[in-house]
Protein backbone atom coordinates (compact mmCIF):
# COMPACT_ATOMS: atom_id res chain seq x y z
CA MET A 1 -33.03 74.24 23.98
CA THR A 2 -32.99 70.79 22.44
CA ASP A 3 -34.03 68.01 24.81
CA HIS A 4 -31.28 65.40 24.91
CA SER A 5 -32.91 63.40 27.66
CA ARG A 6 -33.23 59.64 27.81
CA ARG A 7 -36.66 59.86 26.17
CA ARG A 8 -35.21 61.97 23.35
CA PHE A 9 -32.49 59.38 22.80
CA LEU A 10 -35.07 56.63 22.58
CA GLN A 11 -37.27 58.66 20.25
CA THR A 12 -34.52 59.52 17.81
CA SER A 13 -32.83 56.15 17.77
CA GLY A 14 -35.94 54.02 17.95
CA ALA A 15 -37.18 54.77 14.47
CA VAL A 16 -33.95 53.89 12.75
CA LEU A 17 -32.27 51.11 14.66
CA GLY A 18 -33.44 48.91 11.83
CA GLY A 19 -30.09 49.77 10.28
CA MET A 20 -29.06 46.77 12.34
CA PHE A 21 -30.33 44.82 9.34
CA ALA A 22 -29.62 45.11 5.64
CA ALA A 23 -32.06 47.96 5.14
CA SER A 24 -34.85 49.82 6.90
CA SER A 25 -37.10 48.17 9.46
CA THR A 26 -39.99 49.06 11.70
CA VAL A 27 -38.22 49.26 15.04
CA THR A 28 -39.17 50.28 18.55
CA ALA A 29 -36.52 51.00 21.17
CA VAL A 30 -37.62 49.66 24.53
CA GLU A 31 -36.04 50.87 27.76
CA SER A 32 -35.49 48.11 30.30
CA ASP A 33 -36.72 48.77 33.84
CA ASP A 34 -34.58 46.12 35.54
CA ARG A 35 -31.51 45.73 33.34
CA PHE A 36 -28.85 48.45 33.46
CA ILE A 37 -25.44 49.31 32.10
CA VAL A 38 -23.33 50.49 35.03
CA LYS A 39 -20.02 52.28 35.11
CA LEU A 40 -18.05 50.83 38.00
CA SER A 41 -16.33 52.82 40.69
CA GLY A 42 -12.72 51.69 40.80
CA ASN A 43 -12.28 47.94 41.12
CA LYS A 44 -15.41 47.44 43.19
CA SER A 45 -17.96 44.76 42.29
CA PRO A 46 -21.66 45.67 42.20
CA SER A 47 -23.96 43.95 44.65
CA ALA A 48 -26.57 43.46 41.92
CA GLU A 49 -26.89 40.37 39.73
CA VAL A 50 -24.23 40.66 37.02
CA VAL A 51 -25.52 39.64 33.59
CA HIS A 52 -22.32 40.53 31.72
CA ASP A 53 -19.00 41.15 33.47
CA LEU A 54 -17.23 43.78 31.38
CA SER A 55 -14.78 44.77 34.08
CA GLU A 56 -11.86 44.95 31.64
CA ILE A 57 -13.36 48.26 30.48
CA GLY A 58 -14.78 49.27 33.86
CA TYR A 59 -18.42 48.40 33.21
CA ALA A 60 -20.98 45.70 33.92
CA VAL A 61 -24.50 44.88 32.82
CA VAL A 62 -26.66 44.10 35.83
CA ARG A 63 -30.20 43.25 36.78
CA ALA A 64 -31.42 45.46 39.61
CA SER A 65 -33.72 48.35 40.54
CA GLU A 66 -32.74 51.98 40.06
CA SER A 67 -32.95 52.60 43.80
CA ALA A 68 -30.57 49.72 44.52
CA LEU A 69 -28.06 51.01 42.00
CA GLU A 70 -28.27 54.55 43.39
CA ALA A 71 -27.31 53.15 46.82
CA ASP A 72 -24.56 50.85 45.51
CA LYS A 73 -21.11 52.35 46.20
CA ALA A 74 -19.61 50.20 43.45
CA VAL A 75 -21.72 52.03 40.85
CA LYS A 76 -20.39 55.36 39.59
CA SER A 77 -23.19 55.95 37.08
CA PHE A 78 -25.74 53.92 35.16
CA ALA A 79 -28.32 53.96 32.38
CA PRO A 80 -31.04 51.53 31.32
CA ASP A 81 -30.20 48.96 28.72
CA VAL A 82 -32.10 49.49 25.47
CA SER A 83 -33.61 46.54 23.61
CA LEU A 84 -35.02 46.59 20.11
CA GLU A 85 -38.30 45.21 18.89
CA VAL A 86 -37.81 44.65 15.18
CA GLU A 87 -40.69 43.82 12.86
CA ASN A 88 -40.54 42.75 9.23
CA PRO A 89 -37.21 44.16 8.04
CA GLU A 90 -37.72 45.71 4.62
CA GLN A 91 -34.53 44.73 2.90
CA LYS A 92 -33.85 44.20 -0.76
CA SER A 93 -33.79 40.43 -0.61
CA VAL A 94 -34.65 37.64 -3.02
CA THR A 95 -34.67 33.91 -2.37
CA ASP A 96 -36.33 31.84 -5.09
CA ASP A 97 -35.81 28.09 -4.85
CA ALA A 98 -37.07 27.41 -8.36
CA ALA A 99 -34.72 29.97 -9.85
CA LEU A 100 -31.79 28.66 -7.84
CA GLU A 101 -32.40 25.12 -9.03
CA SER A 102 -32.04 26.32 -12.62
CA LEU A 103 -28.64 27.91 -12.00
CA ASP A 104 -25.37 26.20 -12.80
CA ASP A 105 -23.64 24.30 -10.02
CA GLU A 106 -20.88 26.87 -10.02
CA PHE A 107 -22.37 29.99 -8.44
CA TYR A 108 -19.25 32.15 -8.77
CA ALA A 109 -20.56 33.46 -12.08
CA TYR A 110 -23.29 35.26 -10.14
CA GLN A 111 -20.94 36.78 -7.55
CA TRP A 112 -20.20 40.11 -9.19
CA ASP A 113 -18.82 41.32 -5.86
CA LYS A 114 -16.03 38.75 -5.83
CA GLN A 115 -15.34 39.39 -9.50
CA ALA A 116 -15.04 43.15 -8.89
CA LEU A 117 -12.59 42.46 -6.08
CA ASP A 118 -10.61 39.90 -8.13
CA VAL A 119 -10.82 37.47 -5.24
CA PRO A 120 -9.34 34.51 -7.20
CA THR A 121 -6.08 36.44 -7.65
CA ALA A 122 -6.03 37.31 -3.95
CA HIS A 123 -6.48 33.62 -3.15
CA GLU A 124 -3.25 32.84 -4.96
CA THR A 125 -1.55 34.50 -1.97
CA THR A 126 -3.83 33.37 0.86
CA THR A 127 -7.35 32.16 1.53
CA GLY A 128 -7.39 33.37 5.12
CA GLU A 129 -5.93 30.34 6.84
CA GLY A 130 -4.97 30.91 10.47
CA THR A 131 -7.41 33.78 11.04
CA ARG A 132 -10.70 34.09 12.89
CA ILE A 133 -13.73 36.27 12.08
CA ALA A 134 -16.55 36.98 14.53
CA ILE A 135 -19.97 37.48 12.95
CA ILE A 136 -21.91 39.67 15.42
CA ASP A 137 -25.36 39.44 13.92
CA SER A 138 -28.65 37.55 13.84
CA GLY A 139 -27.06 34.11 14.02
CA VAL A 140 -25.32 31.88 11.50
CA ASP A 141 -26.71 28.57 10.25
CA ALA A 142 -23.88 26.21 11.22
CA SER A 143 -25.59 23.36 9.32
CA HIS A 144 -25.15 25.11 5.98
CA PRO A 145 -22.86 22.99 3.77
CA ASP A 146 -21.00 26.08 2.55
CA LEU A 147 -20.15 27.35 6.04
CA GLU A 148 -17.78 26.04 8.68
CA ILE A 149 -18.54 27.54 12.08
CA ASN A 150 -16.53 27.12 15.28
CA GLU A 151 -19.52 26.22 17.43
CA ALA A 152 -17.37 25.72 20.53
CA LEU A 153 -16.47 29.42 20.56
CA SER A 154 -19.82 30.64 19.23
CA LYS A 155 -22.18 32.23 21.73
CA ASP A 156 -25.82 33.28 21.97
CA PHE A 157 -26.07 36.62 23.78
CA THR A 158 -29.85 36.86 23.54
CA GLY A 159 -30.70 34.18 26.10
CA ASP A 160 -33.64 32.91 24.07
CA GLY A 161 -32.69 29.26 24.64
CA ARG A 162 -31.91 28.55 20.97
CA GLY A 163 -28.15 28.61 21.43
CA ALA A 164 -25.49 29.59 18.90
CA GLY A 165 -24.91 28.32 15.39
CA VAL A 166 -28.56 28.88 14.53
CA PRO A 167 -30.26 31.70 12.58
CA GLY A 168 -32.43 32.60 15.56
CA GLY A 169 -32.73 36.23 14.51
CA GLY A 170 -33.37 35.65 10.81
CA ASP A 171 -31.27 34.88 7.73
CA HIS A 172 -29.22 38.07 7.75
CA GLY A 173 -26.25 36.68 9.72
CA THR A 174 -25.98 33.60 7.51
CA HIS A 175 -25.85 35.81 4.41
CA VAL A 176 -23.17 37.99 6.01
CA ALA A 177 -21.10 34.96 7.05
CA GLY A 178 -21.11 33.57 3.51
CA ILE A 179 -19.84 36.83 2.06
CA ALA A 180 -16.97 36.89 4.52
CA GLY A 181 -15.98 33.26 4.56
CA ALA A 182 -18.05 30.72 2.63
CA SER A 183 -15.98 27.65 1.80
CA ASN A 184 -14.50 27.21 -1.66
CA ASP A 185 -14.32 23.42 -1.38
CA GLY A 186 -16.05 21.51 -4.18
CA THR A 187 -17.81 22.81 -7.25
CA THR A 188 -21.12 23.98 -5.77
CA GLY A 189 -22.10 26.96 -3.71
CA VAL A 190 -20.51 30.39 -3.33
CA VAL A 191 -17.01 31.45 -2.39
CA GLY A 192 -16.30 33.78 0.52
CA THR A 193 -13.70 36.51 0.48
CA ALA A 194 -11.67 34.56 3.06
CA PRO A 195 -12.89 30.95 2.64
CA ASP A 196 -10.37 29.41 5.04
CA ALA A 197 -10.85 31.90 7.85
CA GLU A 198 -12.52 30.44 10.93
CA LEU A 199 -16.01 31.83 11.50
CA VAL A 200 -17.51 32.38 14.95
CA ASP A 201 -21.21 33.12 15.49
CA PHE A 202 -21.99 35.72 18.15
CA ARG A 203 -25.76 36.06 17.99
CA VAL A 204 -27.28 39.31 19.28
CA PHE A 205 -30.73 39.19 17.64
CA SER A 206 -33.63 36.87 18.32
CA ASN A 207 -37.06 36.20 16.91
CA TYR A 208 -37.86 34.04 19.93
CA GLY A 209 -37.72 36.38 22.92
CA GLY A 210 -34.70 37.08 25.07
CA GLN A 211 -32.65 40.23 24.60
CA ASN A 212 -33.22 41.16 20.98
CA GLY A 213 -30.51 43.54 19.80
CA ALA A 214 -29.97 45.06 23.24
CA PHE A 215 -27.24 47.70 23.22
CA SER A 216 -25.37 45.95 26.02
CA ILE A 217 -25.14 42.59 24.30
CA VAL A 218 -23.70 44.08 21.13
CA VAL A 219 -20.95 45.60 23.26
CA ALA A 220 -20.55 42.34 25.19
CA ALA A 221 -20.12 40.50 21.89
CA VAL A 222 -17.39 42.93 20.83
CA LEU A 223 -15.49 42.18 24.03
CA GLU A 224 -16.04 38.44 23.55
CA ALA A 225 -14.49 38.74 20.10
CA ALA A 226 -11.39 40.21 21.74
CA ARG A 227 -11.36 37.56 24.48
CA THR A 228 -11.50 34.74 21.93
CA ASN A 229 -8.67 36.22 19.83
CA CYS A 230 -10.76 37.06 16.79
CA ASP A 231 -8.67 38.93 14.26
CA VAL A 232 -11.75 40.62 12.82
CA ALA A 233 -15.28 41.27 14.10
CA ASN A 234 -17.96 42.07 11.54
CA LEU A 235 -20.85 44.20 12.75
CA SER A 236 -23.42 44.63 10.01
CA LEU A 237 -25.65 46.60 12.37
CA GLY A 238 -26.12 50.13 13.59
CA ALA A 239 -28.31 52.96 14.84
CA TYR A 240 -28.91 56.44 13.42
CA PRO A 241 -29.34 59.24 14.40
CA VAL A 242 -28.01 59.25 17.98
CA PRO A 243 -27.11 62.52 19.79
CA ARG A 244 -23.63 62.93 21.23
CA GLN A 245 -24.97 65.00 24.13
CA GLY A 246 -27.12 64.02 27.09
CA LEU A 247 -27.65 60.35 27.71
CA GLY A 248 -26.13 59.64 24.32
CA SER A 249 -22.75 60.48 25.84
CA PHE A 250 -23.13 57.68 28.41
CA TYR A 251 -23.86 55.07 25.77
CA GLY A 252 -21.13 56.52 23.56
CA GLY A 253 -18.55 56.32 26.33
CA PHE A 254 -19.50 52.70 27.02
CA LEU A 255 -19.29 51.80 23.35
CA ASN A 256 -16.01 53.61 22.72
CA LYS A 257 -14.33 51.98 25.70
CA ALA A 258 -15.21 48.54 24.35
CA MET A 259 -14.20 49.33 20.78
CA THR A 260 -10.86 50.83 21.82
CA TYR A 261 -10.16 47.81 24.03
CA ALA A 262 -10.96 45.32 21.26
CA ASN A 263 -8.74 47.15 18.79
CA LYS A 264 -5.86 47.22 21.26
CA GLU A 265 -6.28 43.47 21.80
CA GLY A 266 -5.92 42.88 18.04
CA THR A 267 -9.54 42.66 16.89
CA LEU A 268 -10.31 44.90 13.91
CA LEU A 269 -13.93 46.11 14.01
CA VAL A 270 -15.46 46.26 10.53
CA ILE A 271 -18.85 47.97 10.64
CA SER A 272 -21.53 48.83 8.08
CA ALA A 273 -21.99 52.57 7.51
CA GLY A 274 -25.80 52.35 7.36
CA ASN A 275 -28.51 52.60 4.75
CA ASP A 276 -30.16 55.96 5.34
CA SER A 277 -28.71 57.77 2.26
CA VAL A 278 -27.40 60.52 4.53
CA ASP A 279 -24.20 62.55 4.68
CA LEU A 280 -22.90 61.60 8.11
CA GLN A 281 -20.37 64.43 7.99
CA HIS A 282 -22.91 67.25 7.51
CA ASP A 283 -26.14 65.93 8.98
CA ASN A 284 -26.62 68.51 11.74
CA GLY A 285 -29.45 70.87 10.75
CA GLU A 286 -30.60 68.56 8.00
CA THR A 287 -34.10 67.12 7.70
CA TYR A 288 -34.20 63.42 8.52
CA CYS A 289 -37.05 61.16 7.46
CA PRO A 290 -37.00 57.81 9.31
CA PRO A 291 -37.09 54.82 6.98
CA ASP A 292 -40.14 53.38 8.78
CA GLY A 293 -42.33 56.23 7.51
CA SER A 294 -42.44 58.20 10.77
CA PRO A 295 -42.69 62.01 10.45
CA CYS A 296 -39.57 63.82 9.28
CA TYR A 297 -37.76 66.14 11.70
CA THR A 298 -34.74 68.43 11.78
CA LEU A 299 -31.49 67.23 13.30
CA ASP A 300 -30.72 70.37 15.28
CA GLY A 301 -29.28 71.32 18.64
CA GLY A 302 -26.18 69.16 18.55
CA HIS A 303 -23.99 66.77 16.67
CA TRP A 304 -25.54 63.51 15.53
CA ILE A 305 -23.75 60.26 14.90
CA SER A 306 -24.33 56.80 13.53
CA VAL A 307 -23.24 54.04 15.90
CA PRO A 308 -21.24 51.90 16.14
CA ASN A 309 -19.64 52.80 12.78
CA GLU A 310 -18.71 56.30 13.97
CA GLY A 311 -17.38 54.92 17.24
CA ALA A 312 -13.75 54.71 18.26
CA GLN A 313 -11.52 52.51 16.08
CA ALA A 314 -14.32 51.52 13.72
CA LEU A 315 -13.57 50.69 10.10
CA SER A 316 -16.77 52.05 8.58
CA VAL A 317 -17.81 50.63 5.21
CA SER A 318 -20.08 52.18 2.58
CA ALA A 319 -21.74 50.12 -0.16
CA THR A 320 -21.31 50.05 -3.92
CA GLY A 321 -22.90 47.99 -6.66
CA PRO A 322 -23.60 47.72 -10.37
CA ILE A 323 -26.76 48.38 -12.32
CA GLY A 324 -27.45 45.84 -15.05
CA PHE A 325 -25.27 42.88 -14.04
CA GLY A 326 -28.02 40.41 -14.92
CA TYR A 327 -28.46 41.79 -18.42
CA ALA A 328 -24.69 41.78 -18.88
CA ALA A 329 -24.50 38.13 -17.80
CA PHE A 330 -27.58 36.86 -19.65
CA ALA A 331 -27.77 39.09 -22.72
CA GLY A 332 -24.29 40.47 -23.19
CA GLU A 333 -25.41 44.07 -22.60
CA ASP A 334 -23.09 46.69 -21.19
CA LEU A 335 -23.46 47.57 -17.52
CA GLU A 336 -25.59 50.64 -16.94
CA ALA A 337 -23.33 51.45 -13.97
CA PRO A 338 -20.11 49.75 -12.79
CA ALA A 339 -19.68 47.78 -9.57
CA THR A 340 -17.85 50.70 -7.96
CA THR A 341 -20.96 52.93 -8.14
CA PRO A 342 -22.16 54.14 -4.72
CA ALA A 343 -25.36 52.28 -3.80
CA ASN A 344 -28.47 54.44 -3.83
CA TYR A 345 -29.13 53.79 -0.12
CA THR A 346 -25.63 54.00 1.36
CA ASN A 347 -24.63 56.49 4.03
CA TYR A 348 -21.56 58.53 3.19
CA GLY A 349 -19.45 61.39 4.50
CA THR A 350 -15.83 62.49 4.56
CA ASN A 351 -14.18 61.15 7.73
CA ALA A 352 -17.30 59.06 8.43
CA VAL A 353 -16.49 56.30 5.91
CA ALA A 354 -13.17 54.44 5.77
CA LEU A 355 -13.68 52.25 2.69
CA GLY A 356 -16.23 51.49 0.00
CA ALA A 357 -16.94 47.87 -0.92
CA PRO A 358 -19.46 45.76 -2.87
CA GLY A 359 -22.79 45.68 -1.03
CA GLY A 360 -25.32 45.62 -3.84
CA ASN A 361 -27.30 48.21 -5.73
CA TYR A 362 -30.67 48.25 -7.47
CA LYS A 363 -32.89 50.15 -9.86
CA LEU A 364 -36.63 49.53 -9.75
CA SER A 365 -37.56 50.76 -13.21
CA GLU A 366 -39.88 48.71 -15.40
CA LYS A 367 -36.91 47.04 -17.10
CA TYR A 368 -35.42 45.83 -13.83
CA LEU A 369 -38.72 44.58 -12.45
CA GLU A 370 -39.02 42.17 -15.37
CA PRO A 371 -38.02 38.54 -14.67
CA LEU A 372 -34.54 37.55 -15.74
CA GLY A 373 -33.30 34.02 -15.16
CA GLY A 374 -36.24 33.31 -12.87
CA VAL A 375 -35.91 36.36 -10.60
CA PRO A 376 -36.53 40.10 -11.03
CA ALA A 377 -33.74 41.65 -13.08
CA TYR A 378 -32.76 43.96 -10.22
CA ALA A 379 -31.90 40.94 -8.05
CA TRP A 380 -28.72 40.30 -10.00
CA ASP A 381 -27.34 43.63 -8.77
CA LEU A 382 -27.73 42.49 -5.16
CA VAL A 383 -25.11 40.33 -3.43
CA PHE A 384 -25.50 36.56 -3.80
CA SER A 385 -24.59 34.51 -0.72
CA THR A 386 -25.68 31.84 1.72
CA VAL A 387 -29.01 31.83 3.55
CA PRO A 388 -30.38 29.08 5.81
CA GLY A 389 -31.04 26.06 3.63
CA GLY A 390 -29.69 27.58 0.44
CA TYR A 391 -28.67 30.81 -1.24
CA GLY A 392 -30.16 34.21 -1.95
CA TRP A 393 -29.59 37.86 -2.80
CA LYS A 394 -29.48 40.85 -0.45
CA ALA A 395 -28.23 44.43 -0.62
CA GLY A 396 -27.01 46.79 2.07
CA THR A 397 -23.94 48.16 3.74
CA SER A 398 -24.48 44.96 5.73
CA MET A 399 -23.21 43.11 2.67
CA ALA A 400 -20.31 45.51 2.04
CA ALA A 401 -18.84 45.17 5.54
CA PRO A 402 -18.18 41.38 5.38
CA ASN A 403 -16.34 41.81 2.08
CA VAL A 404 -13.97 44.10 3.98
CA ALA A 405 -13.91 41.77 7.00
CA GLY A 406 -12.86 38.92 4.72
CA ALA A 407 -10.23 41.13 3.10
CA ALA A 408 -8.89 42.02 6.55
CA ALA A 409 -8.58 38.31 7.34
CA LEU A 410 -6.59 37.80 4.14
CA VAL A 411 -4.19 40.62 5.05
CA LYS A 412 -3.79 39.23 8.57
CA SER A 413 -3.22 35.72 7.21
CA ALA A 414 -0.46 37.01 4.93
CA ASN A 415 1.00 39.15 7.74
CA PRO A 416 0.44 37.30 11.04
CA ASP A 417 2.35 39.87 13.09
CA TYR A 418 0.19 42.80 11.99
CA SER A 419 -1.83 44.62 14.62
CA ALA A 420 -5.45 45.58 13.95
CA ASN A 421 -4.31 49.08 13.02
CA GLN A 422 -1.70 47.73 10.61
CA VAL A 423 -4.29 45.54 8.88
CA GLU A 424 -6.58 48.54 8.50
CA SER A 425 -3.72 50.68 7.23
CA ALA A 426 -2.83 48.10 4.57
CA LEU A 427 -6.41 48.07 3.31
CA LYS A 428 -6.60 51.86 3.21
CA ARG A 429 -3.25 52.33 1.48
CA ALA A 430 -4.23 49.94 -1.30
CA ALA A 431 -7.63 51.55 -1.93
CA GLU A 432 -8.26 54.19 -4.57
CA VAL A 433 -11.20 56.53 -5.10
CA PRO A 434 -12.99 55.63 -8.37
CA SER A 435 -13.90 58.33 -10.86
CA VAL A 436 -17.64 57.63 -10.62
CA ALA A 437 -18.13 59.58 -7.37
CA GLY A 438 -16.34 61.67 -4.77
CA LYS A 439 -14.18 60.73 -1.80
CA GLU A 440 -17.11 61.19 0.57
CA TYR A 441 -18.54 57.90 -0.69
CA TYR A 442 -15.34 55.88 -0.32
CA GLY A 443 -13.12 57.27 2.41
CA SER A 444 -9.69 56.00 1.41
CA GLY A 445 -11.21 54.39 -1.66
CA PHE A 446 -12.79 51.26 -3.11
CA LEU A 447 -11.53 48.02 -1.56
CA ASN A 448 -8.49 46.58 -3.39
CA ILE A 449 -7.59 43.26 -1.82
CA VAL A 450 -4.87 42.22 -4.27
CA ASP A 451 -2.78 45.36 -3.71
CA ALA A 452 -3.38 45.20 0.06
CA LEU A 453 -1.65 41.82 0.06
């Protein structure tokens, strides 16, 4: 019989929770011995110290001992919070100041993702005014000249003392924010999919201590997005593989309650599908090799899921990208593969992916390792966006999700009375499956913002 105990959950999820970033990381899942997620009994309040009051979904995050919780009549059940220790995320990322200085002031020419989505035509209808996007991530650099962050609503969930509006967990969140909503004012910088949407920074990762990527604070951030009337919440993060059975069912129930509540309150949850190159629909019984190099093992004994993108009400996004964009831009060559091509790392699976969107691709052959315009040629097939203090390239389903989040903000801006489900439906109806690959890579299809409007 397969062991679906707490230790098994930690073992299986610990090696791959690096999906919380743009690509694989070395990650350790650490079980807290004094911080617990508790399911409340009725409307009772726990006697323990409440870290996060999530009573609208019948839960709380508390600091207490197991014995105290077992004796607390307000506690129906509980499980330890799980924090992540993330080291040196291995993401396809390039930031070269010298190369950037040589580029033209107008960076749109390097944004193949926005070109593939025909964002300028979409902006003839709306630029996202009147909408709000939560960036639940590693923190957004509010001082970046291309980003306008509502710092009053922004919140640091890690408790590391750095506050919100800072990239306290790395540059990932700033890159994501730029894709979704970088300003289009002036002639420099990049343009976001929804440049006039209001951005809110909900930081859940920290390089400075505190609760780094704890499961509970991701859920708390989702609820905060609903409380602050965010129309869209972007979660370019995730864990795979997680078992549905055993303790996984407790965490799953907690997560699904929060996601269902947020959706009902009008917050569409746009979530990256993950970068494990796996078929999420048929992964049971398959051999899984963790991206950190840990030994491979067979996913047997139950159904496995990727969270939160396979959670309730999630709009799960796979990644696509071209091969050869740099050579097309610099040398007039034809693309080796179009922008709608499934990225070589993206997760996929019928019913596990809702939409495909530009997230970046790459090919590391000798040709693409050669410098082109000051950076490796493969860099041009990544997504170009904001990073703290400047601009850079990254690839991942992390980059695909904010393109969809921005598109959702545009649809909401054009249709203010739409519910979260109606916004999602509009995006799905407009999408079409490209001829380059099957439906399992795209769900309803490749993102088509213009027709969704």
